[in-house]
Amino acid sequence: MIITYLGLEAFKIQFGDTVLALNPVSKESRHKASRFGADIALVSLNDKDMNGVDNVTHGDHKPFAVSGPGEYEIKSIFIKGFKSESHYGLSASAKEARINTIYSISLEGMNLCFLGALDSKELSAETKEALDDIDVLFVPIGGEGTLSAAAAYELAVKLEPRLIIPMHYADAGDKNLKTFLKEAGEEGVKAEDKLTLKKKDLEGKEGDVVVLLPQ
């Protein structure tokens, strides 16, 4: 499995001939959008910064789009979506939160958890019970309607993943990333362009942080 970070909350995950896109940025967004062909696209929040399914529709690839809670099986990949909340893109005075979907993804013998634009470190009992034995956790650290860096690390510790991949930051010098790494006690971690991962690579890992540079 090869995991590439594309900025904001967008990821490209490739395993064999299959490509998975997580929260791809749309062309209407002010943020950089990457174009590539995906077989499956997961959208946590219906926002132009995260719902760019068209941008991962390319050539012969027309992705199966998942954009909400439920259970899905696509190409031997098992996906479960859990309802949560986000204030991303809302004004400070907004009274109602937006629906954010947390995804659990099982593939190649590994369990991935993608928190999307989650803004609260408190999860429902049902969701916490379902998110068990996490190998890789993708957690937003940017604040402004998503988790703050400190709250993100607090939740990550509770979920006990083997690897933690922070997202929703600008670059290696981002203040939120620095705060997150300080909370994790991993200020000296070296950022990588991509992560190549096999099941055996997870042995002995307990909450290790992997920083990926936006490509």
N, C-alpha and C. Protein backbone atom coordinates (compact mmCIF):
# COMPACT_ATOMS: atom_id res chain seq x y z
N MET A 1 0.84 -1.19 0.00
CA MET A 1 0.00 0.00 0.00
C MET A 1 0.88 1.24 0.00
N ILE A 2 0.55 2.20 -0.89
CA ILE A 2 1.29 3.46 -0.96
C ILE A 2 0.32 4.59 -0.65
N ILE A 3 0.63 5.38 0.38
CA ILE A 3 -0.22 6.49 0.81
C ILE A 3 0.47 7.80 0.47
N THR A 4 -0.21 8.64 -0.31
CA THR A 4 0.31 9.94 -0.70
C THR A 4 -0.64 11.02 -0.21
N TYR A 5 -0.08 12.05 0.45
CA TYR A 5 -0.87 13.15 0.97
C TYR A 5 -0.91 14.27 -0.07
N LEU A 6 -2.12 14.74 -0.39
CA LEU A 6 -2.30 15.74 -1.44
C LEU A 6 -2.70 17.10 -0.90
N GLY A 7 -2.60 17.28 0.42
CA GLY A 7 -2.96 18.55 1.02
C GLY A 7 -4.37 18.56 1.57
N LEU A 8 -4.63 19.47 2.51
CA LEU A 8 -5.91 19.58 3.21
C LEU A 8 -6.25 18.23 3.84
N GLU A 9 -7.28 17.54 3.33
CA GLU A 9 -7.59 16.19 3.84
C GLU A 9 -7.57 15.16 2.72
N ALA A 10 -6.95 15.51 1.61
CA ALA A 10 -6.96 14.64 0.44
C ALA A 10 -5.79 13.65 0.44
N PHE A 11 -6.12 12.38 0.17
CA PHE A 11 -5.10 11.33 0.09
C PHE A 11 -5.37 10.46 -1.13
N LYS A 12 -4.29 9.95 -1.67
CA LYS A 12 -4.35 8.90 -2.70
C LYS A 12 -3.73 7.65 -2.09
N ILE A 13 -4.49 6.56 -2.09
CA ILE A 13 -3.99 5.30 -1.54
C ILE A 13 -4.03 4.27 -2.67
N GLN A 14 -2.87 3.72 -2.98
CA GLN A 14 -2.77 2.74 -4.07
C GLN A 14 -2.32 1.40 -3.54
N PHE A 15 -3.03 0.35 -3.92
CA PHE A 15 -2.67 -1.00 -3.52
C PHE A 15 -2.96 -1.91 -4.70
N GLY A 16 -1.90 -2.48 -5.29
CA GLY A 16 -2.07 -3.24 -6.51
C GLY A 16 -2.56 -2.33 -7.62
N ASP A 17 -3.60 -2.75 -8.32
CA ASP A 17 -4.15 -1.95 -9.41
C ASP A 17 -5.30 -1.05 -8.95
N THR A 18 -5.58 -1.04 -7.67
CA THR A 18 -6.72 -0.29 -7.14
C THR A 18 -6.26 1.02 -6.52
N VAL A 19 -7.02 2.09 -6.79
CA VAL A 19 -6.70 3.41 -6.24
C VAL A 19 -7.90 3.93 -5.45
N LEU A 20 -7.61 4.38 -4.25
CA LEU A 20 -8.63 4.92 -3.35
C LEU A 20 -8.34 6.40 -3.12
N ALA A 21 -9.35 7.25 -3.24
CA ALA A 21 -9.20 8.68 -2.98
C ALA A 21 -9.99 9.04 -1.73
N LEU A 22 -9.36 9.79 -0.83
CA LEU A 22 -10.03 10.25 0.38
C LEU A 22 -10.18 11.76 0.33
N ASN A 23 -11.38 12.25 0.50
CA ASN A 23 -11.70 13.69 0.52
C ASN A 23 -10.95 14.49 -0.56
N PRO A 24 -11.10 14.11 -1.83
CA PRO A 24 -10.42 14.86 -2.90
C PRO A 24 -10.94 16.29 -2.99
N VAL A 25 -10.03 17.22 -3.22
CA VAL A 25 -10.39 18.64 -3.35
C VAL A 25 -11.07 18.86 -4.70
N SER A 26 -12.14 19.66 -4.72
CA SER A 26 -12.85 19.92 -5.98
C SER A 26 -12.24 21.11 -6.70
N LYS A 27 -12.57 21.25 -7.96
CA LYS A 27 -12.02 22.36 -8.75
C LYS A 27 -12.62 23.70 -8.34
N GLU A 28 -13.72 23.68 -7.58
CA GLU A 28 -14.32 24.93 -7.10
C GLU A 28 -13.60 25.45 -5.85
N SER A 29 -12.76 24.64 -5.25
CA SER A 29 -12.06 25.03 -4.02
C SER A 29 -10.92 26.00 -4.32
N ARG A 30 -10.59 26.83 -3.34
CA ARG A 30 -9.43 27.72 -3.48
C ARG A 30 -8.13 26.97 -3.22
N HIS A 31 -8.24 25.75 -2.69
CA HIS A 31 -7.07 24.93 -2.41
C HIS A 31 -6.65 24.15 -3.66
N LYS A 32 -5.40 23.74 -3.68
CA LYS A 32 -4.87 22.98 -4.81
C LYS A 32 -5.61 21.66 -4.96
N ALA A 33 -6.04 21.37 -6.16
CA ALA A 33 -6.73 20.11 -6.44
C ALA A 33 -5.85 19.22 -7.31
N SER A 34 -5.78 17.95 -6.98
CA SER A 34 -5.01 16.98 -7.76
C SER A 34 -5.94 16.16 -8.62
N ARG A 35 -5.53 15.88 -9.85
CA ARG A 35 -6.33 15.06 -10.76
C ARG A 35 -5.66 13.71 -10.96
N PHE A 36 -6.42 12.66 -10.76
CA PHE A 36 -5.95 11.30 -11.03
C PHE A 36 -7.16 10.39 -11.09
N GLY A 37 -6.98 9.19 -11.57
CA GLY A 37 -8.07 8.24 -11.68
C GLY A 37 -8.16 7.37 -10.43
N ALA A 38 -9.33 7.30 -9.84
CA ALA A 38 -9.56 6.48 -8.64
C ALA A 38 -10.66 5.47 -8.91
N ASP A 39 -10.57 4.34 -8.21
CA ASP A 39 -11.63 3.33 -8.30
C ASP A 39 -12.72 3.56 -7.25
N ILE A 40 -12.31 4.13 -6.13
CA ILE A 40 -13.23 4.41 -5.03
C ILE A 40 -12.89 5.80 -4.49
N ALA A 41 -13.91 6.61 -4.23
CA ALA A 41 -13.71 7.93 -3.63
C ALA A 41 -14.58 8.05 -2.38
N LEU A 42 -13.96 8.40 -1.27
CA LEU A 42 -14.69 8.59 -0.02
C LEU A 42 -14.76 10.08 0.28
N VAL A 43 -15.95 10.57 0.57
CA VAL A 43 -16.17 11.98 0.90
C VAL A 43 -16.77 12.06 2.29
N SER A 44 -16.06 12.72 3.20
CA SER A 44 -16.54 12.84 4.58
C SER A 44 -17.53 13.98 4.76
N LEU A 45 -17.29 15.08 4.03
CA LEU A 45 -18.09 16.29 4.21
C LEU A 45 -18.44 16.85 2.84
N ASN A 46 -19.71 17.20 2.65
CA ASN A 46 -20.15 17.74 1.37
C ASN A 46 -19.74 19.21 1.28
N ASP A 47 -18.46 19.41 1.01
CA ASP A 47 -17.88 20.75 0.92
C ASP A 47 -16.93 20.77 -0.27
N LYS A 48 -16.83 21.90 -0.93
CA LYS A 48 -15.99 21.99 -2.14
C LYS A 48 -14.53 21.64 -1.86
N ASP A 49 -14.10 21.74 -0.60
CA ASP A 49 -12.72 21.40 -0.26
C ASP A 49 -12.51 19.89 -0.12
N MET A 50 -13.61 19.12 -0.15
CA MET A 50 -13.49 17.69 0.14
C MET A 50 -14.37 16.80 -0.72
N ASN A 51 -15.13 17.35 -1.65
CA ASN A 51 -16.07 16.52 -2.42
C ASN A 51 -15.75 16.47 -3.92
N GLY A 52 -14.46 16.55 -4.25
CA GLY A 52 -14.07 16.62 -5.66
C GLY A 52 -14.01 15.28 -6.37
N VAL A 53 -15.10 14.56 -6.38
CA VAL A 53 -15.15 13.26 -7.05
C VAL A 53 -14.82 13.41 -8.54
N ASP A 54 -15.24 14.52 -9.14
CA ASP A 54 -14.96 14.76 -10.57
C ASP A 54 -13.46 14.81 -10.84
N ASN A 55 -12.69 15.28 -9.87
CA ASN A 55 -11.24 15.40 -10.08
C ASN A 55 -10.52 14.05 -10.02
N VAL A 56 -11.19 13.03 -9.52
CA VAL A 56 -10.59 11.69 -9.50
C VAL A 56 -11.32 10.76 -10.46
N THR A 57 -12.09 11.37 -11.36
CA THR A 57 -12.70 10.66 -12.48
C THR A 57 -11.85 10.98 -13.70
N HIS A 58 -11.10 10.00 -14.14
CA HIS A 58 -10.11 10.29 -15.19
C HIS A 58 -9.89 9.04 -16.05
N GLY A 59 -9.91 9.22 -17.35
CA GLY A 59 -9.69 8.09 -18.25
C GLY A 59 -10.75 7.01 -18.05
N ASP A 60 -10.28 5.79 -17.84
CA ASP A 60 -11.20 4.67 -17.64
C ASP A 60 -11.70 4.58 -16.20
N HIS A 61 -11.20 5.45 -15.34
CA HIS A 61 -11.56 5.40 -13.92
C HIS A 61 -12.77 6.30 -13.64
N LYS A 62 -13.88 5.68 -13.29
CA LYS A 62 -15.04 6.40 -12.78
C LYS A 62 -15.31 5.82 -11.39
N PRO A 63 -14.91 6.53 -10.34
CA PRO A 63 -14.92 5.93 -9.01
C PRO A 63 -16.31 5.65 -8.45
N PHE A 64 -16.36 4.60 -7.65
CA PHE A 64 -17.55 4.37 -6.83
C PHE A 64 -17.46 5.37 -5.69
N ALA A 65 -18.43 6.29 -5.62
CA ALA A 65 -18.39 7.37 -4.63
C ALA A 65 -19.18 6.99 -3.37
N VAL A 66 -18.55 7.14 -2.24
CA VAL A 66 -19.17 6.92 -0.94
C VAL A 66 -19.19 8.26 -0.22
N SER A 67 -20.37 8.72 0.17
CA SER A 67 -20.45 10.07 0.75
C SER A 67 -21.35 10.14 1.98
N GLY A 68 -21.38 9.06 2.75
CA GLY A 68 -22.19 9.12 3.96
C GLY A 68 -22.14 7.83 4.75
N PRO A 69 -22.79 7.82 5.91
CA PRO A 69 -22.79 6.64 6.78
C PRO A 69 -23.39 5.42 6.09
N GLY A 70 -22.95 4.25 6.52
CA GLY A 70 -23.44 3.00 5.96
C GLY A 70 -22.34 1.98 5.85
N GLU A 71 -22.69 0.82 5.29
CA GLU A 71 -21.70 -0.24 5.10
C GLU A 71 -21.58 -0.54 3.60
N TYR A 72 -20.35 -0.68 3.14
CA TYR A 72 -20.09 -0.86 1.71
C TYR A 72 -19.01 -1.93 1.52
N GLU A 73 -19.15 -2.69 0.43
CA GLU A 73 -18.11 -3.63 0.03
C GLU A 73 -17.85 -3.41 -1.45
N ILE A 74 -16.63 -2.95 -1.77
CA ILE A 74 -16.26 -2.65 -3.14
C ILE A 74 -14.89 -3.27 -3.40
N LYS A 75 -14.82 -4.15 -4.40
CA LYS A 75 -13.55 -4.78 -4.77
C LYS A 75 -12.83 -5.41 -3.58
N SER A 76 -13.58 -6.11 -2.76
CA SER A 76 -13.04 -6.80 -1.58
C SER A 76 -12.52 -5.83 -0.52
N ILE A 77 -12.93 -4.58 -0.61
CA ILE A 77 -12.61 -3.58 0.42
C ILE A 77 -13.87 -3.34 1.22
N PHE A 78 -13.75 -3.44 2.54
CA PHE A 78 -14.90 -3.26 3.42
C PHE A 78 -14.84 -1.87 4.05
N ILE A 79 -15.92 -1.12 3.87
CA ILE A 79 -15.97 0.27 4.34
C ILE A 79 -17.20 0.46 5.22
N LYS A 80 -16.99 1.10 6.36
CA LYS A 80 -18.11 1.46 7.23
C LYS A 80 -18.03 2.96 7.49
N GLY A 81 -19.17 3.64 7.36
CA GLY A 81 -19.22 5.07 7.62
C GLY A 81 -20.06 5.36 8.84
N PHE A 82 -19.56 6.24 9.70
CA PHE A 82 -20.23 6.58 10.95
C PHE A 82 -20.49 8.08 11.01
N LYS A 83 -21.70 8.44 11.39
CA LYS A 83 -22.11 9.84 11.43
C LYS A 83 -21.44 10.57 12.60
N SER A 84 -20.91 11.76 12.29
CA SER A 84 -20.36 12.64 13.33
C SER A 84 -20.66 14.06 12.90
N GLU A 85 -19.99 15.04 13.53
CA GLU A 85 -20.30 16.44 13.23
C GLU A 85 -19.04 17.23 12.90
N SER A 86 -19.26 18.31 12.15
CA SER A 86 -18.18 19.23 11.80
C SER A 86 -18.73 20.64 11.69
N HIS A 87 -17.92 21.61 12.06
CA HIS A 87 -18.27 23.02 11.85
C HIS A 87 -17.38 23.64 10.78
N TYR A 88 -16.74 22.79 10.00
CA TYR A 88 -15.85 23.28 8.95
C TYR A 88 -16.65 24.10 7.94
N GLY A 89 -16.13 25.29 7.63
CA GLY A 89 -16.79 26.14 6.64
C GLY A 89 -17.97 26.93 7.17
N LEU A 90 -18.27 26.81 8.47
CA LEU A 90 -19.39 27.55 9.07
C LEU A 90 -18.88 28.75 9.84
N SER A 91 -19.73 29.74 9.99
CA SER A 91 -19.36 30.92 10.78
C SER A 91 -19.37 30.56 12.26
N ALA A 92 -18.71 31.37 13.06
CA ALA A 92 -18.63 31.12 14.51
C ALA A 92 -19.99 31.15 15.16
N SER A 93 -20.94 31.85 14.54
CA SER A 93 -22.28 31.99 15.12
C SER A 93 -23.24 30.88 14.68
N ALA A 94 -22.78 29.98 13.82
CA ALA A 94 -23.66 28.91 13.31
C ALA A 94 -24.12 28.01 14.45
N LYS A 95 -25.41 27.73 14.50
CA LYS A 95 -25.96 26.93 15.59
C LYS A 95 -25.96 25.43 15.27
N GLU A 96 -26.12 25.09 14.01
CA GLU A 96 -26.19 23.68 13.62
C GLU A 96 -24.91 23.23 12.94
N ALA A 97 -24.46 22.05 13.34
CA ALA A 97 -23.25 21.49 12.75
C ALA A 97 -23.59 20.80 11.43
N ARG A 98 -22.56 20.49 10.64
CA ARG A 98 -22.72 19.75 9.40
C ARG A 98 -22.42 18.28 9.66
N ILE A 99 -22.97 17.43 8.82
CA ILE A 99 -22.71 15.99 8.96
C ILE A 99 -21.34 15.65 8.40
N ASN A 100 -20.53 15.02 9.23
CA ASN A 100 -19.22 14.51 8.82
C ASN A 100 -19.24 13.00 8.98
N THR A 101 -18.69 12.30 8.02
CA THR A 101 -18.65 10.84 8.10
C THR A 101 -17.24 10.36 8.42
N ILE A 102 -17.14 9.56 9.47
CA ILE A 102 -15.89 8.88 9.83
C ILE A 102 -15.90 7.55 9.10
N TYR A 103 -14.80 7.22 8.43
CA TYR A 103 -14.76 5.96 7.68
C TYR A 103 -13.77 4.97 8.29
N SER A 104 -14.22 3.73 8.37
CA SER A 104 -13.36 2.61 8.71
C SER A 104 -13.18 1.80 7.43
N ILE A 105 -11.93 1.55 7.07
CA ILE A 105 -11.62 0.90 5.79
C ILE A 105 -10.74 -0.31 6.05
N SER A 106 -11.17 -1.48 5.60
CA SER A 106 -10.38 -2.70 5.78
C SER A 106 -9.90 -3.19 4.43
N LEU A 107 -8.57 -3.26 4.26
CA LEU A 107 -7.99 -3.72 3.02
C LEU A 107 -6.59 -4.24 3.29
N GLU A 108 -6.18 -5.24 2.51
CA GLU A 108 -4.85 -5.84 2.61
C GLU A 108 -4.50 -6.24 4.04
N GLY A 109 -5.52 -6.70 4.79
CA GLY A 109 -5.28 -7.15 6.16
C GLY A 109 -5.04 -6.03 7.14
N MET A 110 -5.28 -4.78 6.72
CA MET A 110 -5.07 -3.63 7.59
C MET A 110 -6.36 -2.83 7.77
N ASN A 111 -6.48 -2.18 8.92
CA ASN A 111 -7.65 -1.37 9.23
C ASN A 111 -7.27 0.10 9.27
N LEU A 112 -7.86 0.88 8.39
CA LEU A 112 -7.62 2.32 8.35
C LEU A 112 -8.83 3.04 8.93
N CYS A 113 -8.59 4.14 9.63
CA CYS A 113 -9.67 4.97 10.14
C CYS A 113 -9.43 6.40 9.68
N PHE A 114 -10.39 6.95 8.95
CA PHE A 114 -10.29 8.30 8.40
C PHE A 114 -11.34 9.17 9.09
N LEU A 115 -10.89 10.14 9.89
CA LEU A 115 -11.81 10.94 10.70
C LEU A 115 -12.43 12.10 9.93
N GLY A 116 -11.92 12.41 8.74
CA GLY A 116 -12.50 13.48 7.96
C GLY A 116 -12.38 14.82 8.66
N ALA A 117 -13.42 15.64 8.58
CA ALA A 117 -13.41 17.00 9.14
C ALA A 117 -14.00 17.03 10.55
N LEU A 118 -13.80 15.98 11.29
CA LEU A 118 -14.33 15.87 12.65
C LEU A 118 -13.92 17.07 13.50
N ASP A 119 -14.85 17.56 14.35
CA ASP A 119 -14.51 18.72 15.17
C ASP A 119 -14.64 18.47 16.68
N SER A 120 -14.96 17.24 17.06
CA SER A 120 -15.09 16.94 18.49
C SER A 120 -14.31 15.69 18.85
N LYS A 121 -13.61 15.74 19.98
CA LYS A 121 -12.85 14.58 20.42
C LYS A 121 -13.73 13.54 21.11
N GLU A 122 -15.02 13.88 21.28
CA GLU A 122 -15.97 12.95 21.90
C GLU A 122 -16.73 12.21 20.82
N LEU A 123 -16.60 10.90 20.77
CA LEU A 123 -17.31 10.07 19.79
C LEU A 123 -18.44 9.33 20.47
N SER A 124 -19.45 8.94 19.70
CA SER A 124 -20.55 8.16 20.26
C SER A 124 -20.03 6.80 20.71
N ALA A 125 -20.73 6.19 21.66
CA ALA A 125 -20.32 4.87 22.17
C ALA A 125 -20.29 3.85 21.03
N GLU A 126 -21.26 3.94 20.12
CA GLU A 126 -21.33 3.01 18.99
C GLU A 126 -20.10 3.14 18.09
N THR A 127 -19.73 4.38 17.82
CA THR A 127 -18.59 4.62 16.95
C THR A 127 -17.29 4.16 17.60
N LYS A 128 -17.11 4.49 18.87
CA LYS A 128 -15.90 4.08 19.58
C LYS A 128 -15.76 2.56 19.61
N GLU A 129 -16.87 1.87 19.80
CA GLU A 129 -16.84 0.41 19.84
C GLU A 129 -16.48 -0.17 18.48
N ALA A 130 -16.98 0.48 17.42
CA ALA A 130 -16.74 -0.03 16.07
C ALA A 130 -15.31 0.25 15.60
N LEU A 131 -14.73 1.33 16.09
CA LEU A 131 -13.38 1.70 15.67
C LEU A 131 -12.35 1.01 16.56
N ASP A 132 -12.26 -0.28 16.39
CA ASP A 132 -11.37 -1.09 17.22
C ASP A 132 -10.23 -1.62 16.36
N ASP A 133 -9.08 -1.79 16.98
CA ASP A 133 -7.91 -2.37 16.31
C ASP A 133 -7.55 -1.57 15.05
N ILE A 134 -7.26 -0.28 15.24
CA ILE A 134 -6.91 0.61 14.13
C ILE A 134 -5.42 0.50 13.83
N ASP A 135 -5.10 0.24 12.58
CA ASP A 135 -3.70 0.22 12.17
C ASP A 135 -3.21 1.62 11.81
N VAL A 136 -3.99 2.34 11.01
CA VAL A 136 -3.59 3.68 10.58
C VAL A 136 -4.76 4.64 10.81
N LEU A 137 -4.48 5.71 11.56
CA LEU A 137 -5.49 6.73 11.85
C LEU A 137 -5.13 8.03 11.14
N PHE A 138 -6.07 8.55 10.35
CA PHE A 138 -5.91 9.85 9.69
C PHE A 138 -6.70 10.87 10.52
N VAL A 139 -6.01 11.86 11.09
CA VAL A 139 -6.67 12.77 12.03
C VAL A 139 -6.44 14.23 11.63
N PRO A 140 -7.53 15.05 11.59
CA PRO A 140 -7.36 16.47 11.25
C PRO A 140 -6.81 17.24 12.44
N ILE A 141 -5.90 18.19 12.18
CA ILE A 141 -5.27 18.93 13.28
C ILE A 141 -5.37 20.44 13.07
N GLY A 142 -6.16 20.86 12.10
CA GLY A 142 -6.11 22.26 11.68
C GLY A 142 -6.98 23.24 12.42
N GLY A 143 -7.89 22.76 13.30
CA GLY A 143 -8.81 23.68 13.94
C GLY A 143 -9.75 24.29 12.92
N GLU A 144 -10.29 25.48 13.22
CA GLU A 144 -11.20 26.21 12.31
C GLU A 144 -12.32 25.30 11.79
N GLY A 145 -13.03 24.71 12.71
CA GLY A 145 -14.15 23.84 12.34
C GLY A 145 -13.80 22.37 12.36
N THR A 146 -12.51 22.04 12.54
CA THR A 146 -12.09 20.65 12.73
C THR A 146 -11.35 20.59 14.07
N LEU A 147 -10.83 19.42 14.42
CA LEU A 147 -10.12 19.26 15.68
C LEU A 147 -8.90 20.17 15.77
N SER A 148 -8.66 20.71 16.95
CA SER A 148 -7.41 21.42 17.19
C SER A 148 -6.30 20.39 17.31
N ALA A 149 -5.05 20.83 17.23
CA ALA A 149 -3.93 19.90 17.32
C ALA A 149 -3.93 19.14 18.64
N ALA A 150 -4.19 19.84 19.75
CA ALA A 150 -4.18 19.21 21.06
C ALA A 150 -5.33 18.20 21.19
N ALA A 151 -6.54 18.59 20.75
CA ALA A 151 -7.69 17.68 20.83
C ALA A 151 -7.50 16.48 19.92
N ALA A 152 -6.87 16.70 18.77
CA ALA A 152 -6.62 15.62 17.82
C ALA A 152 -5.71 14.56 18.44
N TYR A 153 -4.68 14.99 19.12
CA TYR A 153 -3.77 14.01 19.73
C TYR A 153 -4.45 13.30 20.89
N GLU A 154 -5.25 14.02 21.66
CA GLU A 154 -5.97 13.40 22.78
C GLU A 154 -6.89 12.28 22.27
N LEU A 155 -7.61 12.55 21.19
CA LEU A 155 -8.48 11.52 20.61
C LEU A 155 -7.66 10.37 20.04
N ALA A 156 -6.57 10.69 19.38
CA ALA A 156 -5.72 9.65 18.80
C ALA A 156 -5.22 8.68 19.86
N VAL A 157 -4.85 9.21 21.01
CA VAL A 157 -4.39 8.35 22.11
C VAL A 157 -5.50 7.41 22.56
N LYS A 158 -6.71 7.92 22.64
CA LYS A 158 -7.86 7.11 23.07
C LYS A 158 -8.14 5.97 22.08
N LEU A 159 -7.94 6.24 20.80
CA LEU A 159 -8.27 5.24 19.77
C LEU A 159 -7.18 4.18 19.61
N GLU A 160 -6.00 4.45 20.14
CA GLU A 160 -4.89 3.49 20.18
C GLU A 160 -4.51 2.89 18.82
N PRO A 161 -4.29 3.74 17.83
CA PRO A 161 -3.84 3.21 16.53
C PRO A 161 -2.36 2.84 16.58
N ARG A 162 -1.93 2.06 15.60
CA ARG A 162 -0.51 1.75 15.51
C ARG A 162 0.26 2.90 14.85
N LEU A 163 -0.36 3.51 13.84
CA LEU A 163 0.24 4.67 13.20
C LEU A 163 -0.76 5.82 13.16
N ILE A 164 -0.26 7.04 13.31
CA ILE A 164 -1.10 8.23 13.25
C ILE A 164 -0.58 9.12 12.12
N ILE A 165 -1.46 9.48 11.19
CA ILE A 165 -1.10 10.40 10.12
C ILE A 165 -1.91 11.68 10.29
N PRO A 166 -1.26 12.78 10.70
CA PRO A 166 -1.99 14.05 10.82
C PRO A 166 -2.28 14.63 9.43
N MET A 167 -3.38 15.36 9.33
CA MET A 167 -3.76 15.99 8.07
C MET A 167 -4.36 17.35 8.35
N HIS A 168 -4.69 18.07 7.31
CA HIS A 168 -5.30 19.39 7.42
C HIS A 168 -4.30 20.42 7.94
N TYR A 169 -3.12 20.42 7.35
CA TYR A 169 -2.12 21.44 7.64
C TYR A 169 -1.45 21.82 6.33
N ALA A 170 -0.72 22.95 6.33
CA ALA A 170 -0.21 23.49 5.07
C ALA A 170 1.12 22.90 4.63
N ASP A 171 2.08 22.83 5.56
CA ASP A 171 3.42 22.37 5.19
C ASP A 171 4.17 21.94 6.44
N ALA A 172 5.44 21.57 6.26
CA ALA A 172 6.22 21.05 7.39
C ALA A 172 6.43 22.08 8.49
N GLY A 173 6.30 23.38 8.16
CA GLY A 173 6.47 24.42 9.16
C GLY A 173 5.18 24.92 9.78
N ASP A 174 4.08 24.27 9.45
CA ASP A 174 2.77 24.67 9.94
C ASP A 174 2.72 24.64 11.47
N LYS A 175 2.16 25.70 12.07
CA LYS A 175 2.14 25.80 13.54
C LYS A 175 1.28 24.70 14.17
N ASN A 176 0.20 24.31 13.49
CA ASN A 176 -0.64 23.24 14.03
C ASN A 176 0.09 21.91 14.03
N LEU A 177 0.86 21.66 12.97
CA LEU A 177 1.66 20.43 12.92
C LEU A 177 2.70 20.44 14.02
N LYS A 178 3.36 21.57 14.23
CA LYS A 178 4.36 21.67 15.30
C LYS A 178 3.74 21.40 16.66
N THR A 179 2.55 21.95 16.89
CA THR A 179 1.85 21.73 18.16
C THR A 179 1.49 20.26 18.33
N PHE A 180 1.00 19.64 17.26
CA PHE A 180 0.62 18.23 17.32
C PHE A 180 1.83 17.36 17.65
N LEU A 181 2.94 17.61 16.98
CA LEU A 181 4.15 16.82 17.21
C LEU A 181 4.68 17.03 18.63
N LYS A 182 4.53 18.24 19.15
CA LYS A 182 4.96 18.51 20.52
C LYS A 182 4.10 17.73 21.50
N GLU A 183 2.78 17.70 21.26
CA GLU A 183 1.86 16.92 22.11
C GLU A 183 2.24 15.45 22.08
N ALA A 184 2.66 14.97 20.91
CA ALA A 184 2.99 13.55 20.74
C ALA A 184 4.41 13.22 21.20
N GLY A 185 5.18 14.27 21.53
CA GLY A 185 6.57 14.04 21.92
C GLY A 185 7.44 13.56 20.77
N GLU A 186 7.06 13.97 19.54
CA GLU A 186 7.79 13.52 18.34
C GLU A 186 8.21 14.71 17.49
N GLU A 187 8.75 15.73 18.14
CA GLU A 187 9.12 16.96 17.43
C GLU A 187 10.22 16.74 16.40
N GLY A 188 10.99 15.68 16.56
CA GLY A 188 12.09 15.43 15.63
C GLY A 188 11.75 14.50 14.49
N VAL A 189 10.47 14.14 14.35
CA VAL A 189 10.10 13.20 13.30
C VAL A 189 10.36 13.81 11.92
N LYS A 190 10.86 13.01 11.02
CA LYS A 190 11.20 13.47 9.67
C LYS A 190 10.01 13.28 8.73
N ALA A 191 9.66 14.34 8.02
CA ALA A 191 8.55 14.27 7.07
C ALA A 191 8.93 13.45 5.85
N GLU A 192 7.97 12.72 5.30
CA GLU A 192 8.20 11.86 4.15
C GLU A 192 7.31 12.28 2.98
N ASP A 193 7.75 11.98 1.77
CA ASP A 193 6.94 12.29 0.58
C ASP A 193 5.76 11.35 0.43
N LYS A 194 5.92 10.12 0.85
CA LYS A 194 4.84 9.13 0.79
C LYS A 194 5.16 8.01 1.77
N LEU A 195 4.16 7.20 2.05
CA LEU A 195 4.34 6.08 2.97
C LEU A 195 4.03 4.78 2.24
N THR A 196 5.01 3.90 2.19
CA THR A 196 4.81 2.56 1.64
C THR A 196 4.68 1.62 2.82
N LEU A 197 3.55 0.90 2.88
CA LEU A 197 3.22 0.16 4.10
C LEU A 197 2.73 -1.26 3.79
N LYS A 198 3.27 -2.20 4.54
CA LYS A 198 2.79 -3.58 4.52
C LYS A 198 2.39 -3.97 5.94
N LYS A 199 1.58 -5.00 6.05
CA LYS A 199 1.09 -5.42 7.36
C LYS A 199 2.23 -5.67 8.34
N LYS A 200 3.30 -6.28 7.88
CA LYS A 200 4.42 -6.62 8.76
C LYS A 200 5.11 -5.37 9.30
N ASP A 201 4.97 -4.24 8.59
CA ASP A 201 5.61 -2.99 9.03
C ASP A 201 4.97 -2.43 10.29
N LEU A 202 3.78 -2.93 10.63
CA LEU A 202 3.04 -2.41 11.79
C LEU A 202 3.43 -3.10 13.10
N GLU A 203 4.20 -4.14 13.00
CA GLU A 203 4.58 -4.89 14.21
C GLU A 203 5.37 -3.99 15.16
N GLY A 204 4.93 -3.96 16.41
CA GLY A 204 5.62 -3.17 17.43
C GLY A 204 5.27 -1.69 17.44
N LYS A 205 4.41 -1.25 16.53
CA LYS A 205 4.03 0.16 16.48
C LYS A 205 2.91 0.44 17.49
N GLU A 206 3.06 1.53 18.21
CA GLU A 206 2.03 1.95 19.18
C GLU A 206 1.90 3.46 19.15
N GLY A 207 1.03 3.97 18.31
CA GLY A 207 0.82 5.39 18.23
C GLY A 207 1.94 6.18 17.60
N ASP A 208 2.72 5.55 16.74
CA ASP A 208 3.81 6.24 16.05
C ASP A 208 3.24 7.25 15.06
N VAL A 209 3.81 8.44 15.02
CA VAL A 209 3.35 9.49 14.11
C VAL A 209 4.14 9.48 12.81
N VAL A 210 3.43 9.52 11.69
CA VAL A 210 4.05 9.62 10.36
C VAL A 210 3.59 10.93 9.74
N VAL A 211 4.54 11.80 9.42
CA VAL A 211 4.22 13.09 8.78
C VAL A 211 4.47 12.97 7.30
N LEU A 212 3.44 13.24 6.51
CA LEU A 212 3.57 13.22 5.05
C LEU A 212 3.49 14.63 4.50
N LEU A 213 4.42 14.98 3.63
CA LEU A 213 4.42 16.30 3.02
C LEU A 213 3.37 16.38 1.93
N PRO A 214 2.59 17.47 1.89
CA PRO A 214 1.61 17.63 0.81
C PRO A 214 2.31 17.64 -0.54
N GLN A 215 1.79 16.85 -1.48
CA GLN A 215 2.41 16.74 -2.80
C GLN A 215 1.68 17.63 -3.82
